[in-house]
PDB file of N, CA and C in Angstrom:
ATOM      1  N   UNK A   1     -11.473  38.645  32.143  1.00  0.00           N
ATOM      2  CA  UNK A   1     -12.606  39.739  31.819  1.00  0.00           C
ATOM      3  C   UNK A   1     -12.287  40.884  32.802  1.00  0.00           C
ATOM      4  N   UNK A   2     -12.991  41.848  32.681  1.00  0.00           N
ATOM      5  CA  UNK A   2     -12.733  43.371  33.490  1.00  0.00           C
ATOM      6  C   UNK A   2     -14.404  43.882  33.889  1.00  0.00           C
ATOM      7  N   UNK A   3     -14.394  44.080  35.048  1.00  0.00           N
ATOM      8  CA  UNK A   3     -15.776  44.440  35.447  1.00  0.00           C
ATOM      9  C   UNK A   3     -16.026  45.947  35.670  1.00  0.00           C
ATOM     10  N   UNK A   4     -16.884  46.593  35.875  1.00  0.00           N
ATOM     11  CA  UNK A   4     -16.955  48.100  35.852  1.00  0.00           C
ATOM     12  C   UNK A   4     -17.899  48.325  36.907  1.00  0.00           C
ATOM     13  N   UNK A   5     -18.207  49.463  37.508  1.00  0.00           N
ATOM     14  CA  UNK A   5     -19.248  49.803  38.490  1.00  0.00           C
ATOM     15  C   UNK A   5     -19.999  51.005  37.469  1.00  0.00           C
ATOM     16  N   UNK A   6     -20.978  51.003  36.882  1.00  0.00           N
ATOM     17  CA  UNK A   6     -21.737  51.885  36.478  1.00  0.00           C
ATOM     18  C   UNK A   6     -22.707  52.720  37.521  1.00  0.00           C
ATOM     19  N   UNK A   7     -22.196  54.411  37.246  1.00  0.00           N
ATOM     20  CA  UNK A   7     -23.051  55.100  38.197  1.00  0.00           C
ATOM     21  C   UNK A   7     -24.432  55.408  37.789  1.00  0.00           C
ATOM     22  N   UNK A   8     -24.687  55.343  36.578  1.00  0.00           N
ATOM     23  CA  UNK A   8     -26.391  55.462  35.742  1.00  0.00           C
ATOM     24  C   UNK A   8     -27.028  54.501  36.380  1.00  0.00           C
ATOM     25  N   UNK A   9     -26.210  53.093  36.698  1.00  0.00           N
ATOM     26  CA  UNK A   9     -27.475  52.590  36.580  1.00  0.00           C
ATOM     27  C   UNK A   9     -26.734  51.412  37.948  1.00  0.00           C
ATOM     28  N   UNK A  10     -26.444  52.192  38.892  1.00  0.00           N
ATOM     29  CA  UNK A  10     -25.607  51.552  40.065  1.00  0.00           C
ATOM     30  C   UNK A  10     -25.696  50.144  40.091  1.00  0.00           C
ATOM     31  N   UNK A  11     -24.914  49.484  39.029  1.00  0.00           N
ATOM     32  CA  UNK A  11     -25.034  48.156  39.077  1.00  0.00           C
ATOM     33  C   UNK A  11     -23.542  47.584  38.600  1.00  0.00           C
ATOM     34  N   UNK A  12     -23.050  46.691  38.584  1.00  0.00           N
ATOM     35  CA  UNK A  12     -21.813  45.623  37.685  1.00  0.00           C
ATOM     36  C   UNK A  12     -22.199  45.579  36.513  1.00  0.00           C
ATOM     37  N   UNK A  13     -21.396  45.708  35.429  1.00  0.00           N
ATOM     38  CA  UNK A  13     -21.299  45.447  33.968  1.00  0.00           C
ATOM     39  C   UNK A  13     -19.931  44.888  33.687  1.00  0.00           C
ATOM     40  N   UNK A  14     -20.226  43.573  33.082  1.00  0.00           N
ATOM     41  CA  UNK A  14     -18.861  43.230  32.164  1.00  0.00           C
ATOM     42  C   UNK A  14     -18.456  43.450  31.174  1.00  0.00           C
ATOM     43  N   UNK A  15     -19.239  44.410  30.672  1.00  0.00           N
ATOM     44  CA  UNK A  15     -18.615  44.436  29.158  1.00  0.00           C
ATOM     45  C   UNK A  15     -18.617  45.762  28.811  1.00  0.00           C
ATOM     46  N   UNK A  16     -18.756  46.616  29.918  1.00  0.00           N
ATOM     47  CA  UNK A  16     -18.491  48.101  29.286  1.00  0.00           C
ATOM     48  C   UNK A  16     -19.600  48.768  28.645  1.00  0.00           C
ATOM     49  N   UNK A  17     -20.018  48.181  28.628  1.00  0.00           N
ATOM     50  CA  UNK A  17     -21.082  49.215  27.550  1.00  0.00           C
ATOM     51  C   UNK A  17     -21.667  50.199  27.727  1.00  0.00           C
ATOM     52  N   UNK A  18     -21.591  50.934  29.102  1.00  0.00           N
ATOM     53  CA  UNK A  18     -22.073  52.208  29.444  1.00  0.00           C
ATOM     54  C   UNK A  18     -20.959  53.085  29.055  1.00  0.00           C
ATOM     55  N   UNK A  19     -21.063  54.717  29.348  1.00  0.00           N
ATOM     56  CA  UNK A  19     -20.356  55.662  28.886  1.00  0.00           C
ATOM     57  C   UNK A  19     -19.119  55.531  29.897  1.00  0.00           C
ATOM     58  N   UNK A  20     -17.765  55.757  29.355  1.00  0.00           N
ATOM     59  CA  UNK A  20     -16.640  56.184  30.455  1.00  0.00           C
ATOM     60  C   UNK A  20     -16.916  56.941  31.484  1.00  0.00           C
ATOM     61  N   UNK A  21     -17.595  58.062  31.163  1.00  0.00           N
ATOM     62  CA  UNK A  21     -17.946  59.266  32.084  1.00  0.00           C
ATOM     63  C   UNK A  21     -18.408  58.267  33.579  1.00  0.00           C
ATOM     64  N   UNK A  22     -19.292  57.551  33.190  1.00  0.00           N
ATOM     65  CA  UNK A  22     -20.098  57.147  34.083  1.00  0.00           C
ATOM     66  C   UNK A  22     -19.459  55.739  34.772  1.00  0.00           C
ATOM     67  N   UNK A  23     -18.461  55.321  34.562  1.00  0.00           N
ATOM     68  CA  UNK A  23     -17.980  53.426  34.895  1.00  0.00           C
ATOM     69  C   UNK A  23     -16.686  53.969  36.119  1.00  0.00           C
ATOM     70  N   UNK A  24     -16.638  53.003  36.623  1.00  0.00           N
ATOM     71  CA  UNK A  24     -15.737  53.090  37.632  1.00  0.00           C
ATOM     72  C   UNK A  24     -15.080  51.519  37.333  1.00  0.00           C
ATOM     73  N   UNK A  25     -13.427  51.704  37.168  1.00  0.00           N
ATOM     74  CA  UNK A  25     -12.825  50.729  36.807  1.00  0.00           C
ATOM     75  C   UNK A  25     -11.698  50.534  35.766  1.00  0.00           C
ATOM     76  N   UNK A  26     -11.434  49.447  35.534  1.00  0.00           N
ATOM     77  CA  UNK A  26     -11.824  48.192  35.467  1.00  0.00           C
ATOM     78  C   UNK A  26     -11.236  47.662  36.593  1.00  0.00           C
ATOM     79  N   UNK A  27     -12.166  46.479  37.210  1.00  0.00           N
ATOM     80  CA  UNK A  27     -11.833  45.503  38.365  1.00  0.00           C
ATOM     81  C   UNK A  27     -11.613  44.240  37.778  1.00  0.00           C
ATOM     82  N   UNK A  28     -10.936  43.466  38.668  1.00  0.00           N
ATOM     83  CA  UNK A  28     -10.691  41.594  37.836  1.00  0.00           C
ATOM     84  C   UNK A  28     -11.574  41.387  38.442  1.00  0.00           C
ATOM     85  N   UNK A  29     -12.935  41.575  39.488  1.00  0.00           N
ATOM     86  CA  UNK A  29     -13.920  40.510  39.857  1.00  0.00           C
ATOM     87  C   UNK A  29     -15.127  41.414  39.690  1.00  0.00           C
ATOM     88  N   UNK A  30     -16.305  40.686  39.482  1.00  0.00           N
ATOM     89  CA  UNK A  30     -17.506  41.516  39.717  1.00  0.00           C
ATOM     90  C   UNK A  30     -17.823  42.360  41.441  1.00  0.00           C
ATOM     91  N   UNK A  31     -17.179  41.193  42.462  1.00  0.00           N
ATOM     92  CA  UNK A  31     -17.072  41.425  43.688  1.00  0.00           C
ATOM     93  C   UNK A  31     -16.410  42.968  44.004  1.00  0.00           C
ATOM     94  N   UNK A  32     -15.328  43.182  43.516  1.00  0.00           N
ATOM     95  CA  UNK A  32     -14.612  44.946  43.517  1.00  0.00           C
ATOM     96  C   UNK A  32     -15.083  45.141  42.952  1.00  0.00           C
ATOM     97  N   UNK A  33     -15.963  45.194  41.728  1.00  0.00           N
ATOM     98  CA  UNK A  33     -16.722  46.164  41.085  1.00  0.00           C
ATOM     99  C   UNK A  33     -17.861  46.584  42.005  1.00  0.00           C
ATOM    100  N   UNK A  34     -18.036  45.633  42.878  1.00  0.00           N
ATOM    101  CA  UNK A  34     -19.567  45.973  43.466  1.00  0.00           C
ATOM    102  C   UNK A  34     -19.491  47.202  44.946  1.00  0.00           C
ATOM    103  N   UNK A  35     -18.229  46.704  45.157  1.00  0.00           N
ATOM    104  CA  UNK A  35     -17.708  47.606  46.055  1.00  0.00           C
ATOM    105  C   UNK A  35     -17.043  48.835  45.879  1.00  0.00           C
ATOM    106  N   UNK A  36     -16.940  49.180  44.617  1.00  0.00           N
ATOM    107  CA  UNK A  36     -16.188  50.287  43.876  1.00  0.00           C
ATOM    108  C   UNK A  36     -16.411  51.616  44.656  1.00  0.00           C
ATOM    109  N   UNK A  37     -17.666  52.036  44.834  1.00  0.00           N
ATOM    110  CA  UNK A  37     -17.824  53.408  45.764  1.00  0.00           C
ATOM    111  C   UNK A  37     -17.117  53.275  46.862  1.00  0.00           C
ATOM    112  N   UNK A  38     -17.182  52.273  47.645  1.00  0.00           N
ATOM    113  CA  UNK A  38     -16.459  52.398  49.157  1.00  0.00           C
ATOM    114  C   UNK A  38     -15.242  52.335  48.866  1.00  0.00           C
ATOM    115  N   UNK A  39     -14.798  51.659  47.743  1.00  0.00           N
ATOM    116  CA  UNK A  39     -12.816  51.759  47.650  1.00  0.00           C
ATOM    117  C   UNK A  39     -12.492  53.324  47.295  1.00  0.00           C
ATOM    118  N   UNK A  40     -13.608  54.066  46.377  1.00  0.00           N
ATOM    119  CA  UNK A  40     -13.049  55.240  46.029  1.00  0.00           C
ATOM    120  C   UNK A  40     -13.066  56.017  47.797  1.00  0.00           C
ATOM    121  N   UNK A  41     -14.440  55.380  48.491  1.00  0.00           N
ATOM    122  CA  UNK A  41     -14.403  56.725  49.610  1.00  0.00           C
ATOM    123  C   UNK A  41     -13.577  56.413  50.601  1.00  0.00           C
ATOM    124  N   UNK A  42     -12.653  55.032  51.024  1.00  0.00           N
ATOM    125  CA  UNK A  42     -11.940  54.681  51.792  1.00  0.00           C
ATOM    126  C   UNK A  42     -10.631  55.586  51.069  1.00  0.00           C
ATOM    127  N   UNK A  43     -10.135  55.218  49.835  1.00  0.00           N
ATOM    128  CA  UNK A  43      -8.889  56.238  49.116  1.00  0.00           C
ATOM    129  C   UNK A  43      -9.232  57.833  49.311  1.00  0.00           C
ATOM    130  N   UNK A  44     -10.179  58.096  48.857  1.00  0.00           N
ATOM    131  CA  UNK A  44     -10.504  59.764  49.212  1.00  0.00           C
ATOM    132  C   UNK A  44     -10.060  59.901  50.161  1.00  0.00           C
ATOM    133  N   UNK A  45     -10.719  59.492  51.671  1.00  0.00           N
ATOM    134  CA  UNK A  45     -10.333  59.641  52.858  1.00  0.00           C
ATOM    135  C   UNK A  45      -8.706  59.766  53.222  1.00  0.00           C
ATOM    136  N   UNK A  46      -8.132  58.608  52.699  1.00  0.00           N
ATOM    137  CA  UNK A  46      -6.899  58.385  52.599  1.00  0.00           C
ATOM    138  C   UNK A  46      -5.782  59.070  52.015  1.00  0.00           C
ATOM    139  N   UNK A  47      -6.119  59.708  51.061  1.00  0.00           N
ATOM    140  CA  UNK A  47      -5.714  60.896  50.708  1.00  0.00           C
ATOM    141  C   UNK A  47      -5.776  62.364  51.151  1.00  0.00           C
ATOM    142  N   UNK A  48      -7.255  62.340  51.937  1.00  0.00           N
ATOM    143  CA  UNK A  48      -7.652  63.627  52.413  1.00  0.00           C
ATOM    144  C   UNK A  48      -6.660  63.965  53.802  1.00  0.00           C
ATOM    145  N   UNK A  49      -6.524  62.640  54.327  1.00  0.00           N
ATOM    146  CA  UNK A  49      -5.693  63.074  55.671  1.00  0.00           C
ATOM    147  C   UNK A  49      -4.367  62.872  55.353  1.00  0.00           C
ATOM    148  N   UNK A  50      -3.623  62.259  54.419  1.00  0.00           N
ATOM    149  CA  UNK A  50      -2.215  62.381  53.784  1.00  0.00           C
ATOM    150  C   UNK A  50      -2.001  64.044  53.663  1.00  0.00           C
ATOM    151  N   UNK A  51      -2.706  64.625  52.979  1.00  0.00           N
ATOM    152  CA  UNK A  51      -3.037  65.537  52.525  1.00  0.00           C
ATOM    153  C   UNK A  51      -2.775  67.030  53.958  1.00  0.00           C
ATOM    154  N   UNK A  52      -3.719  66.956  54.977  1.00  0.00           N
ATOM    155  CA  UNK A  52      -3.801  67.592  55.541  1.00  0.00           C
ATOM    156  C   UNK A  52      -2.678  66.920  56.585  1.00  0.00           C
ATOM    157  N   UNK A  53      -2.353  66.336  56.807  1.00  0.00           N
ATOM    158  CA  UNK A  53      -0.837  65.902  57.977  1.00  0.00           C
ATOM    159  C   UNK A  53      -0.025  66.574  57.228  1.00  0.00           C
ATOM    160  N   UNK A  54       0.101  66.846  55.779  1.00  0.00           N
ATOM    161  CA  UNK A  54       1.293  68.091  54.945  1.00  0.00           C
ATOM    162  C   UNK A  54       1.483  68.836  55.229  1.00  0.00           C
ATOM    163  N   UNK A  55       0.145  69.646  54.816  1.00  0.00           N
ATOM    164  CA  UNK A  55      -0.218  70.943  54.923  1.00  0.00           C
ATOM    165  C   UNK A  55      -0.218  71.609  56.373  1.00  0.00           C
ATOM    166  N   UNK A  56      -0.054  70.719  57.773  1.00  0.00           N
ATOM    167  CA  UNK A  56       0.104  71.036  59.034  1.00  0.00           C
ATOM    168  C   UNK A  56       1.255  70.820  59.863  1.00  0.00           C
ATOM    169  N   UNK A  57       1.958  69.916  58.696  1.00  0.00           N
ATOM    170  CA  UNK A  57       3.473  69.945  58.951  1.00  0.00           C
ATOM    171  C   UNK A  57       3.583  68.385  59.837  1.00  0.00           C
TER     172      UNK A  57
END
């Protein structure tokens, strides 16, 4: 089973019933979906730092 984080409802869903535009995932566990926003922030921070390092040599 897959899980998603719904940004409309700020909740984990297991059936993917909300529109794809407002879902993050799929995740393998409900716990991973629960932390989706944190995971996205960490990934964006990491990629931003990598981009900055590349641009600044």
